[in-house]
Amino acid sequence: MPQTVITLSTHGQGLYEFTGQAADFVRAAASAGSGAGEGLLTVFVRHTSCSLLIQENADPDVKTDLNAFFRRLVPPSSDPSMRWIVHTAEGPDDMPAHIKAALTQVSIGIPVMAGRLALGTWQGIYLFEHRDRPHRRQIILHLSA
């Protein structure tokens, strides 16, 4: 069962698409004769302050609105409404990032059909960065046939 680790560099909160890298991995595994023409791609992020999403990749306003929604839903711990936050050692975006990750997901499964990701026409795979400063995020791709 093929697997790989990809690294994404982020530059603050937002959605970072990596659909192409995942599709390339699946295509290479399928063409290498691994029997991965039909199966399941598991995508897992190895961090607690970011998450994964499958979301529309056609209109950039979707990313803008999702970012705005999550910033309003879970503001920084410096916001007066978040005075109850205890974990602030790594800055005002730290605990809110953990909360956002808990509300979303760190692992997703995507069917593979005929050697291709079975995503919908407008769907893309995103790392959802919840921290303000830049990070290097590791994502594991594992293909089960």
Protein backbone atom coordinates (compact mmCIF):
# COMPACT_ATOMS: atom_id res chain seq x y z
CA MET A 1 0.00 0.00 0.00
CA PRO A 2 1.72 3.18 -1.18
CA GLN A 3 2.10 6.17 1.07
CA THR A 4 3.98 9.43 1.09
CA VAL A 5 4.40 12.57 3.16
CA ILE A 6 3.92 15.97 1.59
CA THR A 7 4.95 19.20 3.29
CA LEU A 8 3.03 22.43 2.86
CA SER A 9 4.43 25.79 3.90
CA THR A 10 1.77 28.13 5.23
CA HIS A 11 2.01 31.87 5.75
CA GLY A 12 -0.82 32.44 8.19
CA GLN A 13 -4.44 31.47 8.64
CA GLY A 14 -6.21 30.28 5.52
CA LEU A 15 -6.92 27.42 3.17
CA TYR A 16 -4.07 25.89 1.17
CA GLU A 17 -5.11 23.62 -1.68
CA PHE A 18 -3.08 20.48 -2.39
CA THR A 19 -5.48 18.57 -4.65
CA GLY A 20 -2.90 18.38 -7.43
CA GLN A 21 -0.27 16.78 -5.22
CA ALA A 22 -2.76 14.18 -3.96
CA ALA A 23 -3.97 13.45 -7.50
CA ASP A 24 -0.38 13.07 -8.73
CA PHE A 25 0.36 10.59 -5.91
CA VAL A 26 -2.72 8.50 -6.75
CA ARG A 27 -1.98 8.57 -10.49
CA ALA A 28 1.64 7.50 -9.95
CA ALA A 29 0.63 4.69 -7.61
CA ALA A 30 -2.02 3.44 -10.04
CA SER A 31 0.35 3.53 -13.01
CA ALA A 32 3.07 1.74 -11.02
CA GLY A 33 0.85 -1.33 -10.94
CA SER A 34 0.19 -1.22 -7.22
CA GLY A 35 -3.39 -2.33 -7.78
CA ALA A 36 -4.54 1.12 -6.65
CA GLY A 37 -6.92 1.74 -9.56
CA GLU A 38 -9.79 1.35 -7.12
CA GLY A 39 -9.43 2.08 -3.43
CA LEU A 40 -9.35 4.74 -0.77
CA LEU A 41 -6.93 7.60 -0.25
CA THR A 42 -6.56 8.45 3.41
CA VAL A 43 -5.27 11.97 4.06
CA PHE A 44 -3.98 12.74 7.56
CA VAL A 45 -2.39 15.92 8.93
CA ARG A 46 0.16 15.48 11.73
CA HIS A 47 -0.61 18.64 13.72
CA THR A 48 -3.13 19.84 16.32
CA SER A 49 -3.57 23.45 15.19
CA CYS A 50 -4.61 22.92 11.57
CA SER A 51 -7.08 20.64 9.85
CA LEU A 52 -8.27 19.26 6.51
CA LEU A 53 -11.25 20.15 4.34
CA ILE A 54 -12.78 19.12 1.08
CA GLN A 55 -14.29 22.31 -0.22
CA GLU A 56 -15.19 24.23 -3.37
CA ASN A 57 -12.15 25.26 -5.37
CA ALA A 58 -13.82 27.30 -8.13
CA ASP A 59 -14.72 30.59 -6.41
CA PRO A 60 -12.07 32.14 -4.11
CA ASP A 61 -14.86 33.89 -2.19
CA VAL A 62 -15.62 30.54 -0.55
CA LYS A 63 -12.18 30.53 1.09
CA THR A 64 -12.62 34.17 2.14
CA ASP A 65 -16.01 33.47 3.72
CA LEU A 66 -14.84 30.30 5.50
CA ASN A 67 -11.89 32.17 7.00
CA ALA A 68 -14.15 35.02 8.12
CA PHE A 69 -16.68 32.60 9.63
CA PHE A 70 -14.09 30.70 11.67
CA ARG A 71 -12.45 33.94 12.85
CA ARG A 72 -15.85 35.11 14.11
CA LEU A 73 -16.74 31.71 15.57
CA VAL A 74 -13.46 31.37 17.49
CA PRO A 75 -11.69 34.73 17.88
CA PRO A 76 -8.17 35.05 19.34
CA SER A 77 -7.80 34.62 23.08
CA SER A 78 -7.04 38.36 23.30
CA ASP A 79 -10.68 39.04 22.35
CA PRO A 80 -12.75 39.97 25.45
CA SER A 81 -15.24 37.18 24.66
CA MET A 82 -12.44 34.61 25.05
CA ARG A 83 -11.28 35.56 28.57
CA TRP A 84 -12.08 32.02 29.71
CA ILE A 85 -9.15 30.59 27.68
CA VAL A 86 -6.37 29.20 29.92
CA HIS A 87 -3.88 27.85 27.32
CA THR A 88 -2.18 31.01 26.04
CA ALA A 89 1.53 30.03 26.23
CA GLU A 90 2.03 30.18 22.46
CA GLY A 91 0.07 33.35 21.78
CA PRO A 92 -3.53 34.49 21.30
CA ASP A 93 -4.07 32.30 18.21
CA ASP A 94 -2.91 29.04 19.84
CA MET A 95 -5.92 27.73 21.77
CA PRO A 96 -8.37 29.07 19.17
CA ALA A 97 -6.40 27.06 16.58
CA HIS A 98 -6.85 23.89 18.64
CA ILE A 99 -10.59 24.59 18.95
CA LYS A 100 -10.94 25.12 15.19
CA ALA A 101 -9.06 21.87 14.52
CA ALA A 102 -11.37 20.05 16.96
CA LEU A 103 -14.42 21.40 15.10
CA THR A 104 -13.15 20.24 11.72
CA GLN A 105 -11.10 17.12 10.92
CA VAL A 106 -7.51 15.92 10.76
CA SER A 107 -8.18 12.86 8.61
CA ILE A 108 -10.34 12.36 5.52
CA GLY A 109 -10.96 9.47 3.15
CA ILE A 110 -11.43 9.97 -0.59
CA PRO A 111 -12.54 7.14 -2.90
CA VAL A 112 -10.28 6.31 -5.83
CA MET A 113 -11.97 5.14 -9.03
CA ALA A 114 -10.15 4.16 -12.22
CA GLY A 115 -6.88 5.48 -10.79
CA ARG A 116 -8.30 8.95 -10.02
CA LEU A 117 -9.66 10.77 -6.99
CA ALA A 118 -13.46 10.58 -7.04
CA LEU A 119 -13.88 14.25 -6.17
CA GLY A 120 -16.77 16.29 -7.52
CA THR A 121 -16.30 18.86 -10.26
CA TRP A 122 -15.71 21.81 -7.92
CA GLN A 123 -14.11 20.00 -4.98
CA GLY A 124 -10.56 20.49 -3.80
CA ILE A 125 -8.53 19.17 -0.86
CA TYR A 126 -7.28 21.82 1.55
CA LEU A 127 -5.08 22.21 4.56
CA PHE A 128 -6.90 24.66 6.82
CA GLU A 129 -4.21 26.58 8.72
CA HIS A 130 -5.47 28.03 12.01
CA ARG A 131 -2.27 29.76 13.21
CA ASP A 132 -1.14 33.29 12.33
CA ARG A 133 2.58 32.68 11.84
CA PRO A 134 4.10 30.54 9.06
CA HIS A 135 4.37 26.79 9.57
CA ARG A 136 5.58 23.72 7.68
CA ARG A 137 2.77 21.17 7.86
CA GLN A 138 3.16 17.46 7.14
CA ILE A 139 0.35 15.57 5.46
CA ILE A 140 0.42 11.81 5.06
CA LEU A 141 -1.21 10.29 1.98
CA HIS A 142 -1.95 6.56 2.24
CA LEU A 143 -3.54 4.63 -0.60
CA SER A 144 -5.40 1.41 0.20
CA ALA A 145 -6.41 -0.75 -2.72
